[in-house]
Protein backbone atom coordinates (compact mmCIF):
# COMPACT_ATOMS: atom_id res chain seq x y z
CA UNK A 1 109.50 82.07 100.12
CA UNK A 2 111.28 84.31 97.66
CA UNK A 3 111.33 87.22 100.09
CA UNK A 4 112.93 84.98 102.76
CA UNK A 5 115.39 83.54 100.26
CA UNK A 6 114.48 79.98 101.18
CA UNK A 7 113.10 78.75 97.86
CA UNK A 8 115.99 76.30 97.43
CA UNK A 9 114.96 74.57 100.63
CA UNK A 10 111.20 74.18 99.88
CA UNK A 11 110.21 70.70 98.76
CA UNK A 12 106.46 71.17 98.80
CA UNK A 13 103.65 73.47 99.79
CA UNK A 14 100.20 72.52 101.11
CA UNK A 15 97.20 74.14 99.41
CA UNK A 16 93.73 72.64 99.10
CA UNK A 17 92.73 74.66 96.06
CA UNK A 18 92.12 71.92 93.43
CA UNK A 19 93.45 74.17 90.69
CA UNK A 20 96.86 74.33 92.42
CA UNK A 21 97.36 70.70 93.47
CA UNK A 22 100.20 69.06 91.57
CA UNK A 23 101.43 72.32 90.17
CA UNK A 24 104.58 74.29 91.01
CA UNK A 25 104.47 77.63 92.88
CA UNK A 26 106.27 80.70 91.46
CA UNK A 27 109.21 80.50 93.81
CA UNK A 28 112.89 80.24 93.04
CA UNK A 29 114.47 76.89 93.67
CA UNK A 30 114.53 73.35 92.35
CA UNK A 31 110.77 72.99 92.01
CA UNK A 32 108.59 72.61 95.04
CA UNK A 33 105.26 71.03 94.14
CA UNK A 34 101.93 71.80 95.69
CA UNK A 35 100.05 69.02 97.48
CA UNK A 36 96.71 68.93 99.27
CA UNK A 37 96.34 68.50 102.99
CA UNK A 38 95.11 64.96 102.42
CA UNK A 39 98.15 64.11 100.37
CA UNK A 40 100.40 65.47 103.11
CA UNK A 41 98.54 63.57 105.83
CA UNK A 42 98.89 60.32 103.80
CA UNK A 43 102.43 60.66 102.57
CA UNK A 44 104.34 63.52 104.21
CA UNK A 45 107.37 61.95 105.76
CA UNK A 46 110.38 64.23 105.93
CA UNK A 47 111.66 67.75 106.11
CA UNK A 48 110.61 70.84 107.96
CA UNK A 49 107.08 72.25 108.15
CA UNK A 50 106.75 76.02 108.45
CA UNK A 51 103.31 76.91 109.77
CA UNK A 52 101.67 79.64 107.77
CA UNK A 53 97.95 78.68 108.00
CA UNK A 54 97.27 81.19 110.75
CA UNK A 55 93.67 81.29 111.88
CA UNK A 56 93.00 77.63 111.14
CA UNK A 57 93.79 75.84 114.43
CA UNK A 58 92.06 72.56 113.50
CA UNK A 59 93.97 72.34 110.22
CA UNK A 60 97.22 73.30 111.88
CA UNK A 61 96.80 70.64 114.56
CA UNK A 62 96.38 67.90 111.90
CA UNK A 63 99.45 69.03 110.03
CA UNK A 64 101.57 69.29 113.18
CA UNK A 65 100.45 65.85 114.39
CA UNK A 66 101.47 64.28 111.07
CA UNK A 67 104.71 66.14 110.96
CA UNK A 68 105.80 65.28 114.52
CA UNK A 69 104.72 61.66 114.20
CA UNK A 70 107.09 61.21 111.27
CA UNK A 71 110.00 63.11 112.83
CA UNK A 72 109.65 66.32 110.88
CA UNK A 73 110.75 69.64 112.34
CA UNK A 74 107.88 72.13 112.83
CA UNK A 75 108.66 75.85 112.78
CA UNK A 76 105.99 78.25 114.01
CA UNK A 77 106.89 81.83 112.99
CA UNK A 78 104.50 83.20 115.60
CA UNK A 79 106.76 81.83 118.33
CA UNK A 80 109.53 84.18 117.14
CA UNK A 81 107.22 87.19 117.39
CA UNK A 82 106.28 86.20 120.95
CA UNK A 83 109.94 85.94 122.07
């Protein structure tokens, strides 16, 4: 996030490591918190999802379904590489 310069636009990150849930990642910006996949599936309801969980198609599918069902924008960086 810091490399891309988008830290100011990140509201949350999804990580299922119990030691990270509820904490704040070391990125610049107003304070994106880390939530679990389950928390996202239960309460994610706005913003843009950038897919970075490559290699986990089942997980990605659940996240995308939740995001699109609540009107979120989904960005898949792989689609830019394929263009």
